[in-house]
C-alpha atoms as a PDB file:
ATOM      1  CA  MET A   1      20.055 -15.978  -7.747  1.00  0.00           C
ATOM      2  CA  ASN A   2      21.684 -12.690  -6.549  1.00  0.00           C
ATOM      3  CA  GLY A   3      18.587 -11.283  -4.834  1.00  0.00           C
ATOM      4  CA  ARG A   4      16.473 -13.038  -2.284  1.00  0.00           C
ATOM      5  CA  PHE A   5      13.441 -13.095  -4.562  1.00  0.00           C
ATOM      6  CA  LEU A   6      13.190 -14.058  -8.291  1.00  0.00           C
ATOM      7  CA  ASN A   7      10.533 -11.411  -8.929  1.00  0.00           C
ATOM      8  CA  ARG A   8       7.422  -9.870  -7.272  1.00  0.00           C
ATOM      9  CA  ALA A   9       5.346 -12.955  -7.887  1.00  0.00           C
ATOM     10  CA  ASP A  10       7.825 -15.235  -6.219  1.00  0.00           C
ATOM     11  CA  ALA A  11       8.112 -12.695  -3.352  1.00  0.00           C
ATOM     12  CA  GLY A  12       4.347 -12.705  -2.927  1.00  0.00           C
ATOM     13  CA  ARG A  13       4.316 -16.442  -2.606  1.00  0.00           C
ATOM     14  CA  ILE A  14       6.994 -16.605  -0.131  1.00  0.00           C
ATOM     15  CA  LEU A  15       5.335 -13.640   1.863  1.00  0.00           C
ATOM     16  CA  ALA A  16       1.946 -15.506   1.840  1.00  0.00           C
ATOM     17  CA  ALA A  17       3.420 -18.382   3.600  1.00  0.00           C
ATOM     18  CA  LYS A  18       3.935 -16.261   6.657  1.00  0.00           C
ATOM     19  CA  LEU A  19       0.356 -14.974   6.604  1.00  0.00           C
ATOM     20  CA  MET A  20      -1.767 -18.241   6.397  1.00  0.00           C
ATOM     21  CA  ARG A  21      -3.360 -17.490   9.795  1.00  0.00           C
ATOM     22  CA  TYR A  22      -5.375 -15.014   7.883  1.00  0.00           C
ATOM     23  CA  ALA A  23      -6.476 -17.406   5.096  1.00  0.00           C
ATOM     24  CA  ASN A  24     -10.195 -18.057   4.317  1.00  0.00           C
ATOM     25  CA  HIS A  25     -11.528 -15.342   6.679  1.00  0.00           C
ATOM     26  CA  PRO A  26     -14.427 -13.414   5.260  1.00  0.00           C
ATOM     27  CA  ASP A  27     -13.531 -10.237   6.863  1.00  0.00           C
ATOM     28  CA  VAL A  28      -9.897 -10.121   5.569  1.00  0.00           C
ATOM     29  CA  LEU A  29      -8.949  -7.853   2.671  1.00  0.00           C
ATOM     30  CA  VAL A  30      -5.560  -7.525   0.827  1.00  0.00           C
ATOM     31  CA  MET A  31      -4.904  -3.995  -0.169  1.00  0.00           C
ATOM     32  CA  ALA A  32      -1.826  -3.390  -2.340  1.00  0.00           C
ATOM     33  CA  LEU A  33       0.018  -0.264  -3.002  1.00  0.00           C
ATOM     34  CA  PRO A  34       0.494   0.355  -6.684  1.00  0.00           C
ATOM     35  CA  ARG A  35       2.247  -0.354  -8.849  1.00  0.00           C
ATOM     36  CA  GLY A  36       4.937  -2.723  -7.452  1.00  0.00           C
ATOM     37  CA  GLY A  37       2.808  -4.057  -4.540  1.00  0.00           C
ATOM     38  CA  VAL A  38       0.074  -5.276  -6.768  1.00  0.00           C
ATOM     39  CA  PRO A  39       1.733  -8.410  -8.205  1.00  0.00           C
ATOM     40  CA  VAL A  40       2.932  -9.217  -4.517  1.00  0.00           C
ATOM     41  CA  GLY A  41      -0.528  -8.542  -3.212  1.00  0.00           C
ATOM     42  CA  PHE A  42      -2.141 -10.673  -5.851  1.00  0.00           C
ATOM     43  CA  GLU A  43      -0.133 -13.725  -4.846  1.00  0.00           C
ATOM     44  CA  VAL A  44      -0.876 -13.121  -1.233  1.00  0.00           C
ATOM     45  CA  ALA A  45      -4.619 -12.716  -1.759  1.00  0.00           C
ATOM     46  CA  ARG A  46      -4.684 -15.799  -4.067  1.00  0.00           C
ATOM     47  CA  ALA A  47      -2.882 -17.946  -1.401  1.00  0.00           C
ATOM     48  CA  LEU A  48      -5.099 -16.687   1.468  1.00  0.00           C
ATOM     49  CA  ASN A  49      -8.269 -17.083  -0.655  1.00  0.00           C
ATOM     50  CA  VAL A  50      -9.245 -13.342   0.062  1.00  0.00           C
ATOM     51  CA  PRO A  51     -10.153 -10.460  -2.142  1.00  0.00           C
ATOM     52  CA  LEU A  52      -7.494  -7.975  -3.592  1.00  0.00           C
ATOM     53  CA  ASP A  53      -7.984  -4.137  -3.829  1.00  0.00           C
ATOM     54  CA  ILE A  54      -5.651  -1.214  -3.912  1.00  0.00           C
ATOM     55  CA  MET A  55      -4.591   1.573  -1.558  1.00  0.00           C
ATOM     56  CA  LEU A  56      -3.670   4.730  -3.577  1.00  0.00           C
ATOM     57  CA  VAL A  57      -1.725   7.428  -1.903  1.00  0.00           C
ATOM     58  CA  ARG A  58      -0.507  10.738  -3.380  1.00  0.00           C
ATOM     59  CA  LYS A  59       1.958  13.135  -1.628  1.00  0.00           C
ATOM     60  CA  LEU A  60       0.979  16.789  -1.359  1.00  0.00           C
ATOM     61  CA  GLY A  61       4.295  18.478  -1.965  1.00  0.00           C
ATOM     62  CA  VAL A  62       5.232  21.900  -0.636  1.00  0.00           C
ATOM     63  CA  PRO A  63       5.001  24.346  -3.639  1.00  0.00           C
ATOM     64  CA  GLY A  64       8.356  24.832  -5.111  1.00  0.00           C
ATOM     65  CA  HIS A  65       9.775  21.981  -2.975  1.00  0.00           C
ATOM     66  CA  ASP A  66       7.809  18.900  -4.154  1.00  0.00           C
ATOM     67  CA  GLU A  67      10.050  16.503  -2.402  1.00  0.00           C
ATOM     68  CA  LEU A  68       8.927  17.895   0.938  1.00  0.00           C
ATOM     69  CA  ALA A  69       5.481  16.574   1.981  1.00  0.00           C
ATOM     70  CA  MET A  70       2.954  19.034   3.649  1.00  0.00           C
ATOM     71  CA  GLY A  71       0.470  16.104   3.725  1.00  0.00           C
ATOM     72  CA  ALA A  72      -1.158  13.404   1.588  1.00  0.00           C
ATOM     73  CA  ILE A  73      -4.344  12.110   0.063  1.00  0.00           C
ATOM     74  CA  ALA A  74      -5.422   8.579  -0.212  1.00  0.00           C
ATOM     75  CA  SER A  75      -8.154   6.296  -1.641  1.00  0.00           C
ATOM     76  CA  GLY A  76     -11.559   6.946  -0.061  1.00  0.00           C
ATOM     77  CA  GLY A  77     -11.329  10.700   0.006  1.00  0.00           C
ATOM     78  CA  ILE A  78      -8.855  10.711   2.866  1.00  0.00           C
ATOM     79  CA  ARG A  79      -6.749  13.873   3.411  1.00  0.00           C
ATOM     80  CA  ILE A  80      -3.925  14.183   5.877  1.00  0.00           C
ATOM     81  CA  LEU A  81      -2.090  17.379   6.443  1.00  0.00           C
ATOM     82  CA  ASN A  82       1.275  17.802   8.184  1.00  0.00           C
ATOM     83  CA  ARG A  83       0.483  20.947  10.334  1.00  0.00           C
ATOM     84  CA  SER A  84       4.056  21.381  11.597  1.00  0.00           C
ATOM     85  CA  VAL A  85       5.299  21.813   7.946  1.00  0.00           C
ATOM     86  CA  ILE A  86       2.349  24.018   6.906  1.00  0.00           C
ATOM     87  CA  GLU A  87       2.701  26.316   9.873  1.00  0.00           C
ATOM     88  CA  SER A  88       6.528  26.574   9.975  1.00  0.00           C
ATOM     89  CA  LEU A  89       6.599  27.507   6.125  1.00  0.00           C
ATOM     90  CA  GLN A  90       3.371  29.648   6.429  1.00  0.00           C
ATOM     91  CA  ILE A  91       1.655  27.950   3.556  1.00  0.00           C
ATOM     92  CA  ALA A  92      -1.474  29.557   2.556  1.00  0.00           C
ATOM     93  CA  PRO A  93      -4.785  27.559   2.313  1.00  0.00           C
ATOM     94  CA  ASP A  94      -5.217  28.485  -1.283  1.00  0.00           C
ATOM     95  CA  ALA A  95      -1.735  27.005  -2.048  1.00  0.00           C
ATOM     96  CA  ILE A  96      -2.677  23.829  -0.355  1.00  0.00           C
ATOM     97  CA  GLU A  97      -5.848  23.618  -2.227  1.00  0.00           C
ATOM     98  CA  MET A  98      -4.088  24.104  -5.543  1.00  0.00           C
ATOM     99  CA  VAL A  99      -1.713  21.200  -4.849  1.00  0.00           C
ATOM    100  CA  GLU A 100      -4.516  18.970  -3.545  1.00  0.00           C
ATOM    101  CA  LYS A 101      -6.692  19.591  -6.587  1.00  0.00           C
ATOM    102  CA  ARG A 102      -3.704  18.737  -8.986  1.00  0.00           C
ATOM    103  CA  GLU A 103      -2.888  15.564  -6.898  1.00  0.00           C
ATOM    104  CA  SER A 104      -6.613  14.645  -6.712  1.00  0.00           C
ATOM    105  CA  LEU A 105      -7.011  14.593 -10.461  1.00  0.00           C
ATOM    106  CA  GLU A 106      -3.882  12.316 -10.718  1.00  0.00           C
ATOM    107  CA  LEU A 107      -5.410  10.017  -7.889  1.00  0.00           C
ATOM    108  CA  MET A 108      -8.656   9.852  -9.945  1.00  0.00           C
ATOM    109  CA  ARG A 109      -6.786   9.087 -13.093  1.00  0.00           C
ATOM    110  CA  ARG A 110      -5.033   6.229 -11.346  1.00  0.00           C
ATOM    111  CA  GLU A 111      -8.235   4.982  -9.624  1.00  0.00           C
ATOM    112  CA  ALA A 112      -9.911   4.766 -13.040  1.00  0.00           C
ATOM    113  CA  ALA A 113      -6.955   3.131 -14.735  1.00  0.00           C
ATOM    114  CA  TYR A 114      -6.456   0.544 -12.056  1.00  0.00           C
ATOM    115  CA  ARG A 115     -10.027  -0.092 -10.762  1.00  0.00           C
ATOM    116  CA  GLY A 116     -12.118   0.824 -13.653  1.00  0.00           C
ATOM    117  CA  ASN A 117     -15.826   1.076 -12.705  1.00  0.00           C
ATOM    118  CA  ARG A 118     -15.390  -1.033  -9.540  1.00  0.00           C
ATOM    119  CA  PRO A 119     -16.126   1.040  -6.363  1.00  0.00           C
ATOM    120  CA  PRO A 120     -13.743   1.017  -3.562  1.00  0.00           C
ATOM    121  CA  THR A 121     -14.161  -1.807  -1.058  1.00  0.00           C
ATOM    122  CA  ASP A 122     -15.800  -0.921   2.311  1.00  0.00           C
ATOM    123  CA  VAL A 123     -13.143  -1.587   4.889  1.00  0.00           C
ATOM    124  CA  GLU A 124     -15.019  -0.592   8.109  1.00  0.00           C
ATOM    125  CA  GLY A 125     -14.450  -3.345  10.694  1.00  0.00           C
ATOM    126  CA  ARG A 126     -12.420  -5.444   8.383  1.00  0.00           C
ATOM    127  CA  THR A 127      -8.873  -6.898   8.749  1.00  0.00           C
ATOM    128  CA  VAL A 128      -6.804  -5.244   6.028  1.00  0.00           C
ATOM    129  CA  ILE A 129      -3.487  -6.587   4.864  1.00  0.00           C
ATOM    130  CA  LEU A 130      -1.484  -3.622   3.331  1.00  0.00           C
ATOM    131  CA  VAL A 131       1.122  -5.076   0.987  1.00  0.00           C
ATOM    132  CA  ASP A 132       3.927  -3.503  -0.875  1.00  0.00           C
ATOM    133  CA  ASP A 133       6.881  -5.006  -2.836  1.00  0.00           C
ATOM    134  CA  GLY A 134       9.292  -3.438  -0.203  1.00  0.00           C
ATOM    135  CA  ILE A 135       9.248  -0.595   2.299  1.00  0.00           C
ATOM    136  CA  ALA A 136      12.476   1.682   2.181  1.00  0.00           C
ATOM    137  CA  THR A 137      11.485   4.643   4.508  1.00  0.00           C
ATOM    138  CA  GLY A 138       7.918   3.857   5.390  1.00  0.00           C
ATOM    139  CA  SER A 139       6.503   7.303   4.439  1.00  0.00           C
ATOM    140  CA  THR A 140       3.953   6.032   1.924  1.00  0.00           C
ATOM    141  CA  MET A 141       2.936   3.131   4.130  1.00  0.00           C
ATOM    142  CA  ARG A 142       2.402   5.526   7.142  1.00  0.00           C
ATOM    143  CA  VAL A 143      -0.063   7.653   5.161  1.00  0.00           C
ATOM    144  CA  ALA A 144      -1.855   4.343   3.974  1.00  0.00           C
ATOM    145  CA  ILE A 145      -2.215   3.296   7.587  1.00  0.00           C
ATOM    146  CA  ALA A 146      -3.573   6.578   8.598  1.00  0.00           C
ATOM    147  CA  ALA A 147      -5.991   6.596   5.735  1.00  0.00           C
ATOM    148  CA  LEU A 148      -7.316   3.263   6.997  1.00  0.00           C
ATOM    149  CA  ARG A 149      -7.632   4.402  10.524  1.00  0.00           C
ATOM    150  CA  GLU A 150      -9.880   7.173   9.185  1.00  0.00           C
ATOM    151  CA  GLN A 151     -12.144   4.634   7.656  1.00  0.00           C
ATOM    152  CA  LYS A 152     -12.458   2.772  11.031  1.00  0.00           C
ATOM    153  CA  VAL A 153     -10.771  -0.424   9.878  1.00  0.00           C
ATOM    154  CA  GLY A 154     -10.883  -3.298  12.336  1.00  0.00           C
ATOM    155  CA  HIS A 155      -7.216  -4.523  12.260  1.00  0.00           C
ATOM    156  CA  ILE A 156      -4.145  -3.448  10.052  1.00  0.00           C
ATOM    157  CA  VAL A 157      -1.473  -5.794   9.053  1.00  0.00           C
ATOM    158  CA  VAL A 158       1.474  -4.581   7.071  1.00  0.00           C
ATOM    159  CA  ALA A 159       3.194  -7.152   4.920  1.00  0.00           C
ATOM    160  CA  THR A 160       6.211  -6.859   2.671  1.00  0.00           C
ATOM    161  CA  PRO A 161       8.919  -9.090   1.300  1.00  0.00           C
ATOM    162  CA  THR A 162      11.689  -6.757   2.608  1.00  0.00           C
ATOM    163  CA  ALA A 163      12.250  -3.700   4.823  1.00  0.00           C
ATOM    164  CA  PRO A 164      15.121  -2.383   6.956  1.00  0.00           C
ATOM    165  CA  THR A 165      15.084  -3.179  10.634  1.00  0.00           C
ATOM    166  CA  THR A 166      14.406   0.509  11.572  1.00  0.00           C
ATOM    167  CA  VAL A 167      11.089   0.295   9.568  1.00  0.00           C
ATOM    168  CA  ARG A 168      10.122  -2.935  11.244  1.00  0.00           C
ATOM    169  CA  TRP A 169      10.308  -1.307  14.661  1.00  0.00           C
ATOM    170  CA  GLU A 170       8.369   1.748  13.460  1.00  0.00           C
ATOM    171  CA  MET A 171       5.685  -0.395  11.752  1.00  0.00           C
ATOM    172  CA  GLU A 172       5.265  -2.626  14.729  1.00  0.00           C
ATOM    173  CA  ALA A 173       4.290   0.325  16.812  1.00  0.00           C
ATOM    174  CA  LEU A 174       1.696   1.585  14.349  1.00  0.00           C
ATOM    175  CA  VAL A 175      -0.145  -1.514  13.262  1.00  0.00           C
ATOM    176  CA  ASP A 176      -1.741  -4.818  14.702  1.00  0.00           C
ATOM    177  CA  ASP A 177       0.653  -7.037  12.893  1.00  0.00           C
ATOM    178  CA  PHE A 178       3.777  -6.562  10.739  1.00  0.00           C
ATOM    179  CA  ILE A 179       5.180  -9.337   8.631  1.00  0.00           C
ATOM    180  CA  ALA A 180       8.403  -9.108   6.387  1.00  0.00           C
ATOM    181  CA  VAL A 181      10.440 -11.937   4.991  1.00  0.00           C
ATOM    182  CA  ILE A 182      13.747 -10.329   5.379  1.00  0.00           C
ATOM    183  CA  THR A 183      14.664  -7.195   7.484  1.00  0.00           C
ATOM    184  CA  PRO A 184      18.362  -6.715   6.674  1.00  0.00           C
ATOM    185  CA  GLU A 185      20.730  -4.218   8.439  1.00  0.00           C
ATOM    186  CA  ASP A 186      22.444  -3.374   5.108  1.00  0.00           C
ATOM    187  CA  PHE A 187      19.420  -2.059   3.249  1.00  0.00           C
ATOM    188  CA  TYR A 188      20.198   0.088   0.283  1.00  0.00           C
ATOM    189  CA  GLY A 189      16.902  -0.159  -1.745  1.00  0.00           C
ATOM    190  CA  VAL A 190      14.035  -2.458  -2.386  1.00  0.00           C
ATOM    191  CA  GLY A 191      15.329  -3.505  -5.928  1.00  0.00           C
ATOM    192  CA  GLN A 192      18.528  -4.954  -4.387  1.00  0.00           C
ATOM    193  CA  TRP A 193      16.515  -7.952  -3.025  1.00  0.00           C
ATOM    194  CA  TYR A 194      14.987  -8.925  -6.390  1.00  0.00           C
ATOM    195  CA  ASP A 195      16.572 -10.565  -9.513  1.00  0.00           C
ATOM    196  CA  ASP A 196      13.897  -9.107 -11.665  1.00  0.00           C
ATOM    197  CA  PHE A 197      12.549  -5.718 -10.501  1.00  0.00           C
ATOM    198  CA  THR A 198      10.980  -4.569 -13.782  1.00  0.00           C
ATOM    199  CA  GLN A 199       8.574  -1.637 -13.464  1.00  0.00           C
ATOM    200  CA  ILE A 200       4.927  -2.789 -13.602  1.00  0.00           C
ATOM    201  CA  ASP A 201       2.609  -0.924 -16.171  1.00  0.00           C
ATOM    202  CA  ASP A 202      -0.973   0.254 -15.505  1.00  0.00           C
ATOM    203  CA  ASP A 203      -2.455  -2.510 -17.729  1.00  0.00           C
ATOM    204  CA  SER A 204      -0.821  -5.133 -15.612  1.00  0.00           C
ATOM    205  CA  VAL A 205      -2.027  -3.595 -12.490  1.00  0.00           C
ATOM    206  CA  HIS A 206      -5.691  -3.315 -13.864  1.00  0.00           C
ATOM    207  CA  GLU A 207      -5.772  -7.005 -14.949  1.00  0.00           C
ATOM    208  CA  LEU A 208      -4.284  -8.323 -11.584  1.00  0.00           C
ATOM    209  CA  LEU A 209      -6.900  -6.313  -9.565  1.00  0.00           C
ATOM    210  CA  ARG A 210      -9.670  -7.549 -11.945  1.00  0.00           C
ATOM    211  CA  MET A 211      -8.685 -11.209 -11.201  1.00  0.00           C
ATOM    212  CA  GLY A 212      -7.974 -10.530  -7.526  1.00  0.00           C
ATOM    213  CA  GLU A 213     -11.356  -8.980  -6.929  1.00  0.00           C
ATOM    214  CA  LYS A 214     -13.156 -12.188  -7.954  1.00  0.00           C
ATOM    215  CA  THR A 215     -11.645 -14.209  -5.018  1.00  0.00           C
ATOM    216  CA  GLN A 216     -14.302 -14.895  -2.328  1.00  0.00           C
ATOM    217  CA  PRO A 217     -13.216 -16.393   0.825  1.00  0.00           C
ATOM    218  CA  VAL A 218     -14.749 -19.579   2.286  1.00  0.00           C
ATOM    219  CA  GLY A 219     -17.787 -18.566   4.352  1.00  0.00           C
ATOM    220  CA  ALA A 220     -18.270 -15.300   2.539  1.00  0.00           C
ATOM    221  CA  ILE A 221     -21.873 -14.524   1.548  1.00  0.00           C
END
């Protein structure tokens, strides 16, 4: 084995072992970041005997410089704007609206592809475990955390098989609990820690979510 994990399912099972204190709690929900986080999150949710849902995030790129984020949108109708970027580049409101409309359409497409007709889960007051297959820079996870805060979540746990030590320090300051299996100094990318890092397709995400939604923790009504 060259990586630390055989594949995402293996990583999820190993990660779940570090999260067992959250098992069988009616208020706990696993929310995975698609696509790669869903197979990991599915194994975590199954081991903890709690439901699985997704947290979708779309970056709002600066027009003409898409790699630079002026904000982001997330599941649940959440919009977060980076005011410093918008003001320094003097981005007009109609330009922001145009980008947001485009990314909202893609967010809705992915919501439909992944969740189908199932409505988003109400997270208010709940303990949410945000799961991804790895965290490289933390930018997407930061937006997911902010989106959950907007929805008045009770507690936020970020859980991942691997992340660099710098991300660990940052995440520990942002959330109630941060769990990672390995936090190496020599972090060059998430894929380096997996033997099999094959891309996950939409159909696989949809099926895992369908199965994960059926989980009902002990004591749930």
